[in-house]
Amino acid sequence: MVAAALTVLGTFLPLFRGELSALGSVQFDLAITAWGFDTNAPVQEGGVANNGIPLSVAAALLLVAAVLVAVPALRRRPTPMGRLACGMSAAFLAGITVAVVMQSLSWLETFRATGDTGAVPEVGLETGLGAGLWLLVGATVLALAAVWLAPPPGASTADREPITPRYGFPAPGGGQAPGSQPGPQPGPQHGSQSGQPPASPPPAQPPR
């Protein structure tokens, strides 16, 4: 869910920023997001790739995958469907993020200053990657990590009956637990000293 939130937030923040200044004031400012671009130029012409829709779809898939993983996990019965959905949504987001990164690098190259800028010291050009791009990269890393951390199917942690000892638990007060077997009891001992055989009874007298 965190990856989905970062993805949605990253679509509204700038992916790329460019600023052209001359004589100490900003003459041209450009900010490109996943939904389009914004500039202070009086005439806005051209267009950029609309990455907002596929990124929104990726965020929705991440939410569905999070539900498919979380619900069985709460029931302590993970299913293969949750991990599969998590992997597919993470792969989809990773593919879009790679495309956005390539576009951003292309914008950097396009707006790079050319020629001898030292000849005109009053003119400055600043370009850079925006926070939206880094949020998308972070969301992709989290989504891929979630695939690794998702519980594998068959790793059920359902409650099982506790194993009871064979002779039961000792009852309070020294009594026997129900169903337990009494231990061996010492029998009467004969003989005056230990190790001597018990005395045998006298032989019976025949009747007269």
C-alpha atoms as a PDB file:
ATOM      1  CA  MET A   1       0.000   0.000   0.000  1.00  0.00           C
ATOM      2  CA  VAL A   2       2.908   2.347   0.675  1.00  0.00           C
ATOM      3  CA  ALA A   3       4.242   1.700  -2.827  1.00  0.00           C
ATOM      4  CA  ALA A   4       0.825   2.507  -4.304  1.00  0.00           C
ATOM      5  CA  ALA A   5       0.631   5.772  -2.350  1.00  0.00           C
ATOM      6  CA  LEU A   6       4.125   6.794  -3.462  1.00  0.00           C
ATOM      7  CA  THR A   7       3.223   5.997  -7.056  1.00  0.00           C
ATOM      8  CA  VAL A   8       0.123   8.181  -7.007  1.00  0.00           C
ATOM      9  CA  LEU A   9       1.990  11.015  -5.294  1.00  0.00           C
ATOM     10  CA  GLY A  10       4.846  10.764  -7.772  1.00  0.00           C
ATOM     11  CA  THR A  11       2.516  11.368 -10.707  1.00  0.00           C
ATOM     12  CA  PHE A  12       1.677  14.870  -9.464  1.00  0.00           C
ATOM     13  CA  LEU A  13       5.198  15.979  -8.555  1.00  0.00           C
ATOM     14  CA  PRO A  14       7.688  17.138 -11.205  1.00  0.00           C
ATOM     15  CA  LEU A  15       9.712  14.480 -12.958  1.00  0.00           C
ATOM     16  CA  PHE A  16      11.957  17.068 -14.564  1.00  0.00           C
ATOM     17  CA  ARG A  17      12.588  20.764 -14.055  1.00  0.00           C
ATOM     18  CA  GLY A  18      14.329  23.262 -16.306  1.00  0.00           C
ATOM     19  CA  GLU A  19      14.957  26.947 -15.701  1.00  0.00           C
ATOM     20  CA  LEU A  20      16.495  29.565 -17.965  1.00  0.00           C
ATOM     21  CA  SER A  21      17.581  32.821 -16.358  1.00  0.00           C
ATOM     22  CA  ALA A  22      18.999  35.978 -17.890  1.00  0.00           C
ATOM     23  CA  LEU A  23      20.174  39.190 -16.264  1.00  0.00           C
ATOM     24  CA  GLY A  24      19.300  37.861 -12.814  1.00  0.00           C
ATOM     25  CA  SER A  25      15.641  36.987 -13.557  1.00  0.00           C
ATOM     26  CA  VAL A  26      13.933  33.777 -14.638  1.00  0.00           C
ATOM     27  CA  GLN A  27      12.982  33.982 -18.292  1.00  0.00           C
ATOM     28  CA  PHE A  28      11.738  30.441 -18.827  1.00  0.00           C
ATOM     29  CA  ASP A  29      10.609  27.801 -16.352  1.00  0.00           C
ATOM     30  CA  LEU A  30       9.480  24.282 -17.236  1.00  0.00           C
ATOM     31  CA  ALA A  31       8.155  21.487 -15.028  1.00  0.00           C
ATOM     32  CA  ILE A  32       7.168  18.112 -16.479  1.00  0.00           C
ATOM     33  CA  THR A  33       4.937  15.718 -14.553  1.00  0.00           C
ATOM     34  CA  ALA A  34       3.407  12.379 -15.434  1.00  0.00           C
ATOM     35  CA  TRP A  35       0.265  14.185 -16.613  1.00  0.00           C
ATOM     36  CA  GLY A  36       1.838  16.905 -18.755  1.00  0.00           C
ATOM     37  CA  PHE A  37       4.006  19.993 -18.437  1.00  0.00           C
ATOM     38  CA  ASP A  38       3.730  23.470 -16.983  1.00  0.00           C
ATOM     39  CA  THR A  39       5.666  26.507 -18.147  1.00  0.00           C
ATOM     40  CA  ASN A  40       5.576  30.264 -17.747  1.00  0.00           C
ATOM     41  CA  ALA A  41       5.925  30.805 -21.487  1.00  0.00           C
ATOM     42  CA  PRO A  42       3.114  32.877 -23.011  1.00  0.00           C
ATOM     43  CA  VAL A  43       2.529  30.246 -25.680  1.00  0.00           C
ATOM     44  CA  GLN A  44       2.504  26.602 -24.602  1.00  0.00           C
ATOM     45  CA  GLU A  45       3.030  24.340 -27.570  1.00  0.00           C
ATOM     46  CA  GLY A  46       4.074  20.733 -27.868  1.00  0.00           C
ATOM     47  CA  GLY A  47       3.425  17.848 -25.559  1.00  0.00           C
ATOM     48  CA  VAL A  48       5.034  15.123 -23.511  1.00  0.00           C
ATOM     49  CA  ALA A  49       4.231  11.500 -22.865  1.00  0.00           C
ATOM     50  CA  ASN A  50       1.249  11.003 -20.582  1.00  0.00           C
ATOM     51  CA  ASN A  51       2.489   8.545 -17.977  1.00  0.00           C
ATOM     52  CA  GLY A  52      -0.196   9.324 -15.426  1.00  0.00           C
ATOM     53  CA  ILE A  53      -2.699   6.736 -16.666  1.00  0.00           C
ATOM     54  CA  PRO A  54      -0.377   3.694 -16.690  1.00  0.00           C
ATOM     55  CA  LEU A  55       1.073   4.735 -13.340  1.00  0.00           C
ATOM     56  CA  SER A  56      -2.431   4.994 -11.891  1.00  0.00           C
ATOM     57  CA  VAL A  57      -3.199   1.512 -13.211  1.00  0.00           C
ATOM     58  CA  ALA A  58      -0.002   0.258 -11.582  1.00  0.00           C
ATOM     59  CA  ALA A  59      -1.044   1.829  -8.268  1.00  0.00           C
ATOM     60  CA  ALA A  60      -4.460   0.146  -8.498  1.00  0.00           C
ATOM     61  CA  LEU A  61      -2.823  -3.215  -9.189  1.00  0.00           C
ATOM     62  CA  LEU A  62      -0.574  -2.726  -6.168  1.00  0.00           C
ATOM     63  CA  LEU A  63      -3.617  -2.115  -3.974  1.00  0.00           C
ATOM     64  CA  VAL A  64      -5.332  -5.254  -5.268  1.00  0.00           C
ATOM     65  CA  ALA A  65      -2.165  -7.263  -4.683  1.00  0.00           C
ATOM     66  CA  ALA A  66      -1.879  -5.879  -1.147  1.00  0.00           C
ATOM     67  CA  VAL A  67      -5.424  -7.031  -0.379  1.00  0.00           C
ATOM     68  CA  LEU A  68      -4.809 -10.486  -1.878  1.00  0.00           C
ATOM     69  CA  VAL A  69      -1.714 -10.858   0.297  1.00  0.00           C
ATOM     70  CA  ALA A  70      -3.014  -9.282   3.515  1.00  0.00           C
ATOM     71  CA  VAL A  71      -6.395 -11.039   3.799  1.00  0.00           C
ATOM     72  CA  PRO A  72      -5.054 -14.623   3.594  1.00  0.00           C
ATOM     73  CA  ALA A  73      -2.156 -13.628   5.853  1.00  0.00           C
ATOM     74  CA  LEU A  74      -4.590 -12.439   8.512  1.00  0.00           C
ATOM     75  CA  ARG A  75      -6.341 -15.785   8.237  1.00  0.00           C
ATOM     76  CA  ARG A  76      -2.932 -17.451   8.468  1.00  0.00           C
ATOM     77  CA  ARG A  77      -3.457 -19.253   5.163  1.00  0.00           C
ATOM     78  CA  PRO A  78      -1.308 -17.675   2.408  1.00  0.00           C
ATOM     79  CA  THR A  79      -2.385 -18.427  -1.161  1.00  0.00           C
ATOM     80  CA  PRO A  80      -0.355 -18.404  -4.391  1.00  0.00           C
ATOM     81  CA  MET A  81      -2.736 -15.841  -5.903  1.00  0.00           C
ATOM     82  CA  GLY A  82      -1.529 -13.088  -3.571  1.00  0.00           C
ATOM     83  CA  ARG A  83       2.145 -13.548  -4.344  1.00  0.00           C
ATOM     84  CA  LEU A  84       1.428 -13.845  -8.078  1.00  0.00           C
ATOM     85  CA  ALA A  85      -0.558 -10.594  -8.081  1.00  0.00           C
ATOM     86  CA  CYS A  86       2.190  -8.903  -6.083  1.00  0.00           C
ATOM     87  CA  GLY A  87       4.829  -9.974  -8.589  1.00  0.00           C
ATOM     88  CA  MET A  88       2.799  -8.950 -11.642  1.00  0.00           C
ATOM     89  CA  SER A  89       1.965  -5.504 -10.253  1.00  0.00           C
ATOM     90  CA  ALA A  90       5.586  -4.906  -9.227  1.00  0.00           C
ATOM     91  CA  ALA A  91       6.820  -5.924 -12.685  1.00  0.00           C
ATOM     92  CA  PHE A  92       4.258  -3.634 -14.348  1.00  0.00           C
ATOM     93  CA  LEU A  93       5.324  -0.691 -12.196  1.00  0.00           C
ATOM     94  CA  ALA A  94       9.005  -1.430 -12.799  1.00  0.00           C
ATOM     95  CA  GLY A  95       8.499  -1.376 -16.560  1.00  0.00           C
ATOM     96  CA  ILE A  96       6.749   1.994 -16.472  1.00  0.00           C
ATOM     97  CA  THR A  97       9.343   3.445 -14.104  1.00  0.00           C
ATOM     98  CA  VAL A  98      12.169   2.413 -16.419  1.00  0.00           C
ATOM     99  CA  ALA A  99      10.391   4.161 -19.304  1.00  0.00           C
ATOM    100  CA  VAL A 100       9.913   7.324 -17.226  1.00  0.00           C
ATOM    101  CA  VAL A 101      13.577   7.326 -16.191  1.00  0.00           C
ATOM    102  CA  MET A 102      14.643   7.065 -19.825  1.00  0.00           C
ATOM    103  CA  GLN A 103      12.350   9.959 -20.740  1.00  0.00           C
ATOM    104  CA  SER A 104      13.746  12.086 -17.926  1.00  0.00           C
ATOM    105  CA  LEU A 105      17.318  11.439 -19.032  1.00  0.00           C
ATOM    106  CA  SER A 106      16.291  12.406 -22.548  1.00  0.00           C
ATOM    107  CA  TRP A 107      14.861  15.688 -21.261  1.00  0.00           C
ATOM    108  CA  LEU A 108      18.125  16.386 -19.476  1.00  0.00           C
ATOM    109  CA  GLU A 109      20.021  15.900 -22.714  1.00  0.00           C
ATOM    110  CA  THR A 110      17.537  18.022 -24.677  1.00  0.00           C
ATOM    111  CA  PHE A 111      17.729  20.995 -22.325  1.00  0.00           C
ATOM    112  CA  ARG A 112      21.468  20.751 -21.819  1.00  0.00           C
ATOM    113  CA  ALA A 113      23.276  23.977 -22.582  1.00  0.00           C
ATOM    114  CA  THR A 114      25.119  23.941 -25.893  1.00  0.00           C
ATOM    115  CA  GLY A 115      27.860  26.178 -27.201  1.00  0.00           C
ATOM    116  CA  ASP A 116      30.159  28.397 -25.181  1.00  0.00           C
ATOM    117  CA  THR A 117      28.028  29.516 -22.247  1.00  0.00           C
ATOM    118  CA  GLY A 118      30.978  31.381 -20.765  1.00  0.00           C
ATOM    119  CA  ALA A 119      30.669  34.000 -23.494  1.00  0.00           C
ATOM    120  CA  VAL A 120      27.305  35.085 -22.033  1.00  0.00           C
ATOM    121  CA  PRO A 121      27.750  35.093 -18.242  1.00  0.00           C
ATOM    122  CA  GLU A 122      24.380  36.741 -17.685  1.00  0.00           C
ATOM    123  CA  VAL A 123      22.529  33.669 -19.022  1.00  0.00           C
ATOM    124  CA  GLY A 124      22.124  30.589 -16.862  1.00  0.00           C
ATOM    125  CA  LEU A 125      20.436  27.235 -17.415  1.00  0.00           C
ATOM    126  CA  GLU A 126      19.538  24.856 -14.608  1.00  0.00           C
ATOM    127  CA  THR A 127      18.045  21.411 -15.140  1.00  0.00           C
ATOM    128  CA  GLY A 128      17.470  18.480 -12.835  1.00  0.00           C
ATOM    129  CA  LEU A 129      15.362  15.474 -12.031  1.00  0.00           C
ATOM    130  CA  GLY A 130      12.317  16.186  -9.912  1.00  0.00           C
ATOM    131  CA  ALA A 131      11.033  14.610  -6.712  1.00  0.00           C
ATOM    132  CA  GLY A 132       8.308  12.753  -8.590  1.00  0.00           C
ATOM    133  CA  LEU A 133      10.859  10.584 -10.364  1.00  0.00           C
ATOM    134  CA  TRP A 134      12.571   9.598  -7.115  1.00  0.00           C
ATOM    135  CA  LEU A 135       9.226   8.716  -5.569  1.00  0.00           C
ATOM    136  CA  LEU A 136       8.500   6.395  -8.483  1.00  0.00           C
ATOM    137  CA  VAL A 137      11.896   4.754  -8.090  1.00  0.00           C
ATOM    138  CA  GLY A 138      11.293   4.299  -4.361  1.00  0.00           C
ATOM    139  CA  ALA A 139       7.830   2.857  -4.989  1.00  0.00           C
ATOM    140  CA  THR A 140       9.314   0.366  -7.444  1.00  0.00           C
ATOM    141  CA  VAL A 141      11.940  -0.756  -4.943  1.00  0.00           C
ATOM    142  CA  LEU A 142       9.282  -1.245  -2.257  1.00  0.00           C
ATOM    143  CA  ALA A 143       7.035  -3.182  -4.634  1.00  0.00           C
ATOM    144  CA  LEU A 144       9.861  -5.527  -5.615  1.00  0.00           C
ATOM    145  CA  ALA A 145      10.815  -5.994  -1.962  1.00  0.00           C
ATOM    146  CA  ALA A 146       7.190  -6.842  -1.149  1.00  0.00           C
ATOM    147  CA  VAL A 147       7.341  -9.718  -3.634  1.00  0.00           C
ATOM    148  CA  TRP A 148      10.320 -11.147  -1.773  1.00  0.00           C
ATOM    149  CA  LEU A 149       8.721 -10.651   1.649  1.00  0.00           C
ATOM    150  CA  ALA A 150       5.285 -11.981   0.702  1.00  0.00           C
ATOM    151  CA  PRO A 151       4.519 -15.276   2.508  1.00  0.00           C
ATOM    152  CA  PRO A 152       4.919 -18.247   0.155  1.00  0.00           C
ATOM    153  CA  PRO A 153       1.893 -20.446  -0.556  1.00  0.00           C
ATOM    154  CA  GLY A 154       1.519 -23.440   1.716  1.00  0.00           C
ATOM    155  CA  ALA A 155       3.235 -21.749   4.659  1.00  0.00           C
ATOM    156  CA  SER A 156       0.118 -22.090   6.768  1.00  0.00           C
ATOM    157  CA  THR A 157       0.371 -20.943  10.345  1.00  0.00           C
ATOM    158  CA  ALA A 158      -3.134 -22.030  11.325  1.00  0.00           C
ATOM    159  CA  ASP A 159      -3.710 -22.806  14.945  1.00  0.00           C
ATOM    160  CA  ARG A 160      -3.112 -26.429  15.823  1.00  0.00           C
ATOM    161  CA  GLU A 161      -4.096 -28.349  18.948  1.00  0.00           C
ATOM    162  CA  PRO A 162      -1.300 -28.342  21.495  1.00  0.00           C
ATOM    163  CA  ILE A 163       0.522 -31.618  21.985  1.00  0.00           C
ATOM    164  CA  THR A 164      -0.442 -33.136  25.335  1.00  0.00           C
ATOM    165  CA  PRO A 165       2.112 -35.263  27.213  1.00  0.00           C
ATOM    166  CA  ARG A 166       1.375 -38.968  27.314  1.00  0.00           C
ATOM    167  CA  TYR A 167       0.611 -39.069  31.024  1.00  0.00           C
ATOM    168  CA  GLY A 168      -1.112 -35.681  31.235  1.00  0.00           C
ATOM    169  CA  PHE A 169      -0.249 -32.747  33.416  1.00  0.00           C
ATOM    170  CA  PRO A 170       0.169 -33.090  37.186  1.00  0.00           C
ATOM    171  CA  ALA A 171      -2.968 -31.978  38.968  1.00  0.00           C
ATOM    172  CA  PRO A 172      -2.783 -29.255  41.617  1.00  0.00           C
ATOM    173  CA  GLY A 173      -2.154 -30.517  45.116  1.00  0.00           C
ATOM    174  CA  GLY A 174      -0.204 -33.547  44.007  1.00  0.00           C
ATOM    175  CA  GLY A 175      -3.207 -35.471  42.668  1.00  0.00           C
ATOM    176  CA  GLN A 176      -3.341 -37.467  39.472  1.00  0.00           C
ATOM    177  CA  ALA A 177      -4.581 -35.845  36.268  1.00  0.00           C
ATOM    178  CA  PRO A 178      -7.595 -37.496  34.633  1.00  0.00           C
ATOM    179  CA  GLY A 179      -6.561 -40.371  32.399  1.00  0.00           C
ATOM    180  CA  SER A 180      -3.051 -40.589  33.839  1.00  0.00           C
ATOM    181  CA  GLN A 181      -1.534 -43.910  34.825  1.00  0.00           C
ATOM    182  CA  PRO A 182      -0.288 -44.426  38.370  1.00  0.00           C
ATOM    183  CA  GLY A 183       3.380 -45.085  38.724  1.00  0.00           C
ATOM    184  CA  PRO A 184       4.853 -48.236  40.233  1.00  0.00           C
ATOM    185  CA  GLN A 185       4.284 -48.581  43.977  1.00  0.00           C
ATOM    186  CA  PRO A 186       6.873 -50.106  46.322  1.00  0.00           C
ATOM    187  CA  GLY A 187       5.804 -53.497  47.700  1.00  0.00           C
ATOM    188  CA  PRO A 188       6.382 -54.910  51.201  1.00  0.00           C
ATOM    189  CA  GLN A 189       9.942 -55.772  51.914  1.00  0.00           C
ATOM    190  CA  HIS A 190      10.991 -58.873  53.826  1.00  0.00           C
ATOM    191  CA  GLY A 191      14.236 -59.607  55.500  1.00  0.00           C
ATOM    192  CA  SER A 192      16.140 -57.804  58.144  1.00  0.00           C
ATOM    193  CA  GLN A 193      18.914 -56.579  55.911  1.00  0.00           C
ATOM    194  CA  SER A 194      19.090 -55.304  52.418  1.00  0.00           C
ATOM    195  CA  GLY A 195      20.223 -57.868  49.908  1.00  0.00           C
ATOM    196  CA  GLN A 196      18.940 -60.935  51.937  1.00  0.00           C
ATOM    197  CA  PRO A 197      16.176 -63.114  50.511  1.00  0.00           C
ATOM    198  CA  PRO A 198      12.858 -62.970  52.287  1.00  0.00           C
ATOM    199  CA  ALA A 199      12.225 -65.634  54.935  1.00  0.00           C
ATOM    200  CA  SER A 200      10.247 -68.649  53.672  1.00  0.00           C
ATOM    201  CA  PRO A 201       7.280 -69.940  55.702  1.00  0.00           C
ATOM    202  CA  PRO A 202       7.767 -73.199  57.712  1.00  0.00           C
ATOM    203  CA  PRO A 203       6.726 -76.423  55.956  1.00  0.00           C
ATOM    204  CA  ALA A 204       3.238 -77.657  56.672  1.00  0.00           C
ATOM    205  CA  GLN A 205       2.898 -80.596  59.103  1.00  0.00           C
ATOM    206  CA  PRO A 206       1.095 -83.708  57.825  1.00  0.00           C
ATOM    207  CA  PRO A 207      -2.108 -84.519  59.699  1.00  0.00           C
ATOM    208  CA  ARG A 208      -1.938 -87.280  62.279  1.00  0.00           C
END
